Every structure is written in C-alpha cells, then in structure tokens.
Amino acid sequence: MTEPVKAWNRAFAEEKASVAAAWEDFRERLDEQRRLVGHDAKEAEHSAGCDNIREIGMRIFAIPAHTLQGMAVKLRARDRMGLEDFDDPDEALLSIAADVRRLAGEVAS
C-alpha cells in the first residue's frame, strides 16, 4: 500500500472510532433520560392502551351494520385506530364491504 492510502485508512479508522464513541455517549445519555422520566413504564402503558383500542375496534367491526350510521361508526373506529397507516388488510373497510354486500342482497361466498 502506498503511504497516502495508509494515511487515509488511519484517518478513516480514527474518524470511525470517534463517531462510535460519540454515538455510545449519546446512547448512554438517552438511556439515562429515559430512565429518569420512566419511559419504559409509559411505553408499556401506551402499548396497553393501543391494544385496548384495537380490541374495541375489532369488536365494532365484528358487529354487522344495518344502516349507514352503523357503517359510519366503523369508519370512525377505523380513523381512531389509524388503520390507514398500515399495510395489513383494513379490517374496517372489509367489514363495511361485507355490510354493503349483505344489505345489497349478495350471498356471501
């Protein structure tokens, strides 16, 4: 290897070590801040709340709607759950589609 390449490799290794040390310092400070504010407990509380909202929403979607107002309730539940933000099948829209087909007299296949 030529001297310029060796010098560049040394400089690169030093910079990489410097960035790694700064990142480790940041992570330690972040972890301490999270500990001080009780982040883990709050995250668990938030997760439980989200699970509760999902459970309620899934119950709503399981109930056949017999009116447009019932379908609107499903849409509001969908909005509250934020289902449009996910790639999974949209349970609310699938449920509403089944309601529309049922009300239109289509036979489920």
N, C-alpha and C. Protein backbone atom coordinates (compact mmCIF):
# COMPACT_ATOMS: atom_id res chain seq x y z
N MET A 1 0.84 -1.18 0.00
CA MET A 1 0.00 0.00 0.00
C MET A 1 0.88 1.24 0.00
N THR A 2 0.42 2.23 -0.70
CA THR A 2 1.18 3.47 -0.74
C THR A 2 0.89 4.26 0.54
N GLU A 3 1.77 5.18 0.84
CA GLU A 3 1.64 5.98 2.07
C GLU A 3 0.34 6.80 2.10
N PRO A 4 -0.09 7.42 1.00
CA PRO A 4 -1.36 8.17 1.05
C PRO A 4 -2.55 7.26 1.39
N VAL A 5 -2.54 6.03 0.88
CA VAL A 5 -3.63 5.10 1.17
C VAL A 5 -3.58 4.71 2.64
N LYS A 6 -2.41 4.44 3.16
CA LYS A 6 -2.26 4.10 4.58
C LYS A 6 -2.73 5.26 5.47
N ALA A 7 -2.38 6.46 5.08
CA ALA A 7 -2.79 7.64 5.85
C ALA A 7 -4.30 7.80 5.82
N TRP A 8 -4.88 7.58 4.66
CA TRP A 8 -6.34 7.68 4.54
C TRP A 8 -7.01 6.61 5.40
N ASN A 9 -6.50 5.37 5.38
CA ASN A 9 -7.06 4.29 6.19
C ASN A 9 -6.97 4.63 7.68
N ARG A 10 -5.84 5.20 8.10
CA ARG A 10 -5.69 5.60 9.52
C ARG A 10 -6.71 6.68 9.88
N ALA A 11 -6.82 7.67 9.01
CA ALA A 11 -7.76 8.77 9.27
C ALA A 11 -9.20 8.23 9.31
N PHE A 12 -9.49 7.31 8.41
CA PHE A 12 -10.83 6.72 8.38
C PHE A 12 -11.11 5.95 9.67
N ALA A 13 -10.16 5.15 10.11
CA ALA A 13 -10.32 4.36 11.34
C ALA A 13 -10.49 5.28 12.55
N GLU A 14 -9.73 6.38 12.59
CA GLU A 14 -9.85 7.33 13.70
C GLU A 14 -11.23 8.00 13.70
N GLU A 15 -11.67 8.41 12.52
CA GLU A 15 -12.98 9.05 12.43
C GLU A 15 -14.09 8.07 12.81
N LYS A 16 -13.97 6.84 12.35
CA LYS A 16 -14.96 5.81 12.68
C LYS A 16 -15.01 5.58 14.18
N ALA A 17 -13.87 5.52 14.83
CA ALA A 17 -13.81 5.33 16.28
C ALA A 17 -14.40 6.54 17.00
N SER A 18 -14.15 7.73 16.49
CA SER A 18 -14.69 8.95 17.08
C SER A 18 -16.21 8.98 17.00
N VAL A 19 -16.75 8.62 15.84
CA VAL A 19 -18.20 8.58 15.65
C VAL A 19 -18.81 7.52 16.57
N ALA A 20 -18.19 6.35 16.66
CA ALA A 20 -18.69 5.28 17.52
C ALA A 20 -18.70 5.73 18.98
N ALA A 21 -17.66 6.43 19.42
CA ALA A 21 -17.60 6.91 20.80
C ALA A 21 -18.67 7.97 21.06
N ALA A 22 -18.88 8.87 20.11
CA ALA A 22 -19.92 9.89 20.27
C ALA A 22 -21.30 9.24 20.31
N TRP A 23 -21.51 8.24 19.47
CA TRP A 23 -22.80 7.54 19.46
C TRP A 23 -23.04 6.83 20.79
N GLU A 24 -22.01 6.17 21.31
CA GLU A 24 -22.13 5.47 22.59
C GLU A 24 -22.44 6.46 23.71
N ASP A 25 -21.79 7.60 23.69
CA ASP A 25 -22.06 8.64 24.69
C ASP A 25 -23.50 9.12 24.59
N PHE A 26 -23.97 9.35 23.38
CA PHE A 26 -25.35 9.78 23.17
C PHE A 26 -26.32 8.72 23.69
N ARG A 27 -26.10 7.45 23.35
CA ARG A 27 -26.98 6.37 23.80
C ARG A 27 -27.03 6.29 25.32
N GLU A 28 -25.89 6.45 25.98
CA GLU A 28 -25.87 6.41 27.45
C GLU A 28 -26.69 7.56 28.03
N ARG A 29 -26.54 8.77 27.47
CA ARG A 29 -27.31 9.92 27.97
C ARG A 29 -28.80 9.73 27.69
N LEU A 30 -29.14 9.21 26.50
CA LEU A 30 -30.53 8.96 26.16
C LEU A 30 -31.15 7.92 27.10
N ASP A 31 -30.42 6.84 27.34
CA ASP A 31 -30.92 5.81 28.26
C ASP A 31 -31.16 6.38 29.65
N GLU A 32 -30.27 7.24 30.11
CA GLU A 32 -30.43 7.86 31.44
C GLU A 32 -31.66 8.77 31.46
N GLN A 33 -31.87 9.55 30.40
CA GLN A 33 -33.05 10.41 30.34
C GLN A 33 -34.33 9.58 30.33
N ARG A 34 -34.32 8.51 29.57
CA ARG A 34 -35.50 7.63 29.55
C ARG A 34 -35.76 7.03 30.93
N ARG A 35 -34.71 6.66 31.62
CA ARG A 35 -34.86 6.11 32.97
C ARG A 35 -35.45 7.16 33.90
N LEU A 36 -34.95 8.40 33.82
CA LEU A 36 -35.41 9.46 34.71
C LEU A 36 -36.89 9.80 34.52
N VAL A 37 -37.38 9.73 33.29
CA VAL A 37 -38.79 10.07 33.04
C VAL A 37 -39.70 8.85 33.07
N GLY A 38 -39.15 7.68 33.33
CA GLY A 38 -39.97 6.47 33.40
C GLY A 38 -40.48 6.02 32.03
N HIS A 39 -39.64 6.16 31.04
CA HIS A 39 -40.02 5.86 29.66
C HIS A 39 -40.57 4.45 29.50
N ASP A 40 -39.91 3.45 30.07
CA ASP A 40 -40.35 2.07 29.87
C ASP A 40 -41.76 1.83 30.40
N ALA A 41 -42.05 2.39 31.58
CA ALA A 41 -43.39 2.22 32.15
C ALA A 41 -44.43 2.94 31.29
N LYS A 42 -44.09 4.13 30.82
CA LYS A 42 -45.02 4.88 29.98
C LYS A 42 -45.22 4.18 28.64
N GLU A 43 -44.16 3.59 28.10
CA GLU A 43 -44.30 2.88 26.84
C GLU A 43 -45.21 1.66 27.01
N ALA A 44 -45.06 0.96 28.12
CA ALA A 44 -45.92 -0.20 28.39
C ALA A 44 -47.38 0.25 28.54
N GLU A 45 -47.59 1.38 29.21
CA GLU A 45 -48.94 1.93 29.38
C GLU A 45 -49.54 2.30 28.02
N HIS A 46 -48.74 2.94 27.19
CA HIS A 46 -49.20 3.32 25.85
C HIS A 46 -49.55 2.07 25.03
N SER A 47 -48.71 1.08 25.09
CA SER A 47 -48.94 -0.15 24.34
C SER A 47 -50.23 -0.83 24.80
N ALA A 48 -50.46 -0.85 26.11
CA ALA A 48 -51.70 -1.44 26.64
C ALA A 48 -52.92 -0.65 26.14
N GLY A 49 -52.82 0.66 26.11
CA GLY A 49 -53.91 1.50 25.60
C GLY A 49 -54.20 1.21 24.13
N CYS A 50 -53.14 1.07 23.34
CA CYS A 50 -53.31 0.76 21.92
C CYS A 50 -53.97 -0.61 21.74
N ASP A 51 -53.55 -1.58 22.56
CA ASP A 51 -54.16 -2.90 22.49
C ASP A 51 -55.64 -2.82 22.83
N ASN A 52 -55.98 -2.00 23.81
CA ASN A 52 -57.38 -1.83 24.22
C ASN A 52 -58.20 -1.21 23.08
N ILE A 53 -57.67 -0.19 22.44
CA ILE A 53 -58.36 0.44 21.32
C ILE A 53 -58.56 -0.56 20.19
N ARG A 54 -57.54 -1.35 19.91
CA ARG A 54 -57.65 -2.36 18.84
C ARG A 54 -58.74 -3.39 19.19
N GLU A 55 -58.76 -3.84 20.42
CA GLU A 55 -59.77 -4.83 20.82
C GLU A 55 -61.19 -4.28 20.65
N ILE A 56 -61.38 -3.04 21.08
CA ILE A 56 -62.70 -2.41 20.94
C ILE A 56 -63.05 -2.25 19.46
N GLY A 57 -62.10 -1.80 18.66
CA GLY A 57 -62.33 -1.63 17.23
C GLY A 57 -62.69 -2.95 16.56
N MET A 58 -61.99 -4.01 16.90
CA MET A 58 -62.26 -5.30 16.29
C MET A 58 -63.67 -5.80 16.67
N ARG A 59 -64.10 -5.49 17.90
CA ARG A 59 -65.47 -5.83 18.29
C ARG A 59 -66.48 -5.06 17.44
N ILE A 60 -66.20 -3.79 17.22
CA ILE A 60 -67.10 -2.96 16.40
C ILE A 60 -67.19 -3.54 14.98
N PHE A 61 -66.04 -3.92 14.42
CA PHE A 61 -66.03 -4.44 13.05
C PHE A 61 -66.74 -5.79 12.95
N ALA A 62 -66.79 -6.53 14.04
CA ALA A 62 -67.43 -7.85 14.02
C ALA A 62 -68.95 -7.76 14.03
N ILE A 63 -69.49 -6.63 14.43
CA ILE A 63 -70.94 -6.46 14.50
C ILE A 63 -71.46 -5.99 13.14
N PRO A 64 -72.39 -6.73 12.53
CA PRO A 64 -72.94 -6.29 11.23
C PRO A 64 -73.68 -4.96 11.38
N ALA A 65 -73.40 -4.05 10.49
CA ALA A 65 -74.11 -2.77 10.47
C ALA A 65 -75.34 -2.92 9.59
N HIS A 66 -76.45 -2.35 10.04
CA HIS A 66 -77.69 -2.44 9.28
C HIS A 66 -78.11 -1.09 8.70
N THR A 67 -77.29 -0.04 8.98
CA THR A 67 -77.61 1.30 8.50
C THR A 67 -76.32 1.99 8.08
N LEU A 68 -76.49 3.10 7.37
CA LEU A 68 -75.32 3.92 7.03
C LEU A 68 -74.66 4.48 8.28
N GLN A 69 -75.48 4.78 9.30
CA GLN A 69 -74.92 5.29 10.56
C GLN A 69 -74.03 4.23 11.21
N GLY A 70 -74.43 2.98 11.13
CA GLY A 70 -73.61 1.89 11.68
C GLY A 70 -72.29 1.77 10.95
N MET A 71 -72.33 1.95 9.63
CA MET A 71 -71.10 1.91 8.84
C MET A 71 -70.21 3.12 9.17
N ALA A 72 -70.85 4.26 9.46
CA ALA A 72 -70.09 5.45 9.84
C ALA A 72 -69.38 5.22 11.17
N VAL A 73 -70.02 4.50 12.08
CA VAL A 73 -69.36 4.17 13.35
C VAL A 73 -68.09 3.37 13.07
N LYS A 74 -68.17 2.43 12.15
CA LYS A 74 -67.00 1.63 11.79
C LYS A 74 -65.89 2.51 11.19
N LEU A 75 -66.28 3.48 10.37
CA LEU A 75 -65.28 4.38 9.80
C LEU A 75 -64.62 5.24 10.87
N ARG A 76 -65.42 5.71 11.85
CA ARG A 76 -64.83 6.50 12.94
C ARG A 76 -63.88 5.64 13.77
N ALA A 77 -64.25 4.39 14.00
CA ALA A 77 -63.36 3.49 14.73
C ALA A 77 -62.07 3.27 13.95
N ARG A 78 -62.19 3.13 12.63
CA ARG A 78 -61.02 2.97 11.76
C ARG A 78 -60.09 4.18 11.89
N ASP A 79 -60.69 5.37 11.85
CA ASP A 79 -59.89 6.59 11.98
C ASP A 79 -59.19 6.64 13.34
N ARG A 80 -59.91 6.28 14.38
CA ARG A 80 -59.34 6.32 15.74
C ARG A 80 -58.18 5.33 15.88
N MET A 81 -58.31 4.18 15.20
CA MET A 81 -57.28 3.15 15.28
C MET A 81 -56.09 3.44 14.36
N GLY A 82 -56.26 4.34 13.40
CA GLY A 82 -55.18 4.65 12.47
C GLY A 82 -54.86 3.52 11.51
N LEU A 83 -55.86 2.75 11.12
CA LEU A 83 -55.62 1.59 10.26
C LEU A 83 -55.08 1.97 8.89
N GLU A 84 -55.35 3.19 8.44
CA GLU A 84 -54.87 3.59 7.12
C GLU A 84 -53.34 3.71 7.08
N ASP A 85 -52.71 3.69 8.26
CA ASP A 85 -51.25 3.81 8.32
C ASP A 85 -50.53 2.47 8.17
N PHE A 86 -51.28 1.38 8.03
CA PHE A 86 -50.67 0.06 7.99
C PHE A 86 -50.96 -0.63 6.67
N ASP A 87 -50.09 -1.58 6.31
CA ASP A 87 -50.25 -2.32 5.07
C ASP A 87 -51.16 -3.54 5.23
N ASP A 88 -51.48 -3.90 6.47
CA ASP A 88 -52.35 -5.05 6.70
C ASP A 88 -53.72 -4.80 6.09
N PRO A 89 -54.47 -5.88 5.85
CA PRO A 89 -55.84 -5.67 5.35
C PRO A 89 -56.60 -4.76 6.32
N ASP A 90 -57.33 -3.84 5.77
CA ASP A 90 -58.06 -2.87 6.57
C ASP A 90 -59.35 -3.50 7.06
N GLU A 91 -59.36 -3.93 8.31
CA GLU A 91 -60.50 -4.64 8.89
C GLU A 91 -61.79 -3.83 8.79
N ALA A 92 -61.70 -2.54 8.99
CA ALA A 92 -62.92 -1.71 8.94
C ALA A 92 -63.53 -1.72 7.55
N LEU A 93 -62.70 -1.51 6.55
CA LEU A 93 -63.23 -1.47 5.18
C LEU A 93 -63.72 -2.85 4.75
N LEU A 94 -63.05 -3.91 5.16
CA LEU A 94 -63.52 -5.25 4.85
C LEU A 94 -64.88 -5.50 5.51
N SER A 95 -65.04 -5.05 6.73
CA SER A 95 -66.29 -5.21 7.46
C SER A 95 -67.42 -4.41 6.79
N ILE A 96 -67.11 -3.18 6.42
CA ILE A 96 -68.11 -2.33 5.76
C ILE A 96 -68.48 -2.92 4.40
N ALA A 97 -67.50 -3.44 3.67
CA ALA A 97 -67.79 -4.06 2.38
C ALA A 97 -68.75 -5.24 2.56
N ALA A 98 -68.53 -6.03 3.60
CA ALA A 98 -69.43 -7.15 3.87
C ALA A 98 -70.83 -6.64 4.21
N ASP A 99 -70.91 -5.53 4.97
CA ASP A 99 -72.22 -4.95 5.29
C ASP A 99 -72.94 -4.50 4.02
N VAL A 100 -72.23 -3.83 3.15
CA VAL A 100 -72.84 -3.33 1.91
C VAL A 100 -73.33 -4.51 1.07
N ARG A 101 -72.50 -5.54 0.95
CA ARG A 101 -72.91 -6.71 0.16
C ARG A 101 -74.14 -7.38 0.77
N ARG A 102 -74.16 -7.50 2.09
CA ARG A 102 -75.30 -8.12 2.77
C ARG A 102 -76.56 -7.29 2.54
N LEU A 103 -76.44 -5.97 2.73
CA LEU A 103 -77.60 -5.10 2.56
C LEU A 103 -78.08 -5.05 1.11
N ALA A 104 -77.15 -5.28 0.17
CA ALA A 104 -77.49 -5.29 -1.25
C ALA A 104 -78.07 -6.64 -1.68
N GLY A 105 -78.08 -7.60 -0.75
CA GLY A 105 -78.66 -8.89 -1.06
C GLY A 105 -77.72 -9.89 -1.67
N GLU A 106 -76.42 -9.59 -1.69
CA GLU A 106 -75.45 -10.55 -2.22
C GLU A 106 -75.28 -11.69 -1.23
N VAL A 107 -75.09 -12.86 -1.77
CA VAL A 107 -74.85 -14.03 -0.93
C VAL A 107 -73.35 -14.13 -0.69
N ALA A 108 -72.99 -14.36 0.57
CA ALA A 108 -71.57 -14.49 0.91
C ALA A 108 -71.01 -15.73 0.25
N SER A 109 -69.79 -15.60 -0.30
CA SER A 109 -69.18 -16.76 -0.95
C SER A 109 -68.05 -17.30 -0.13
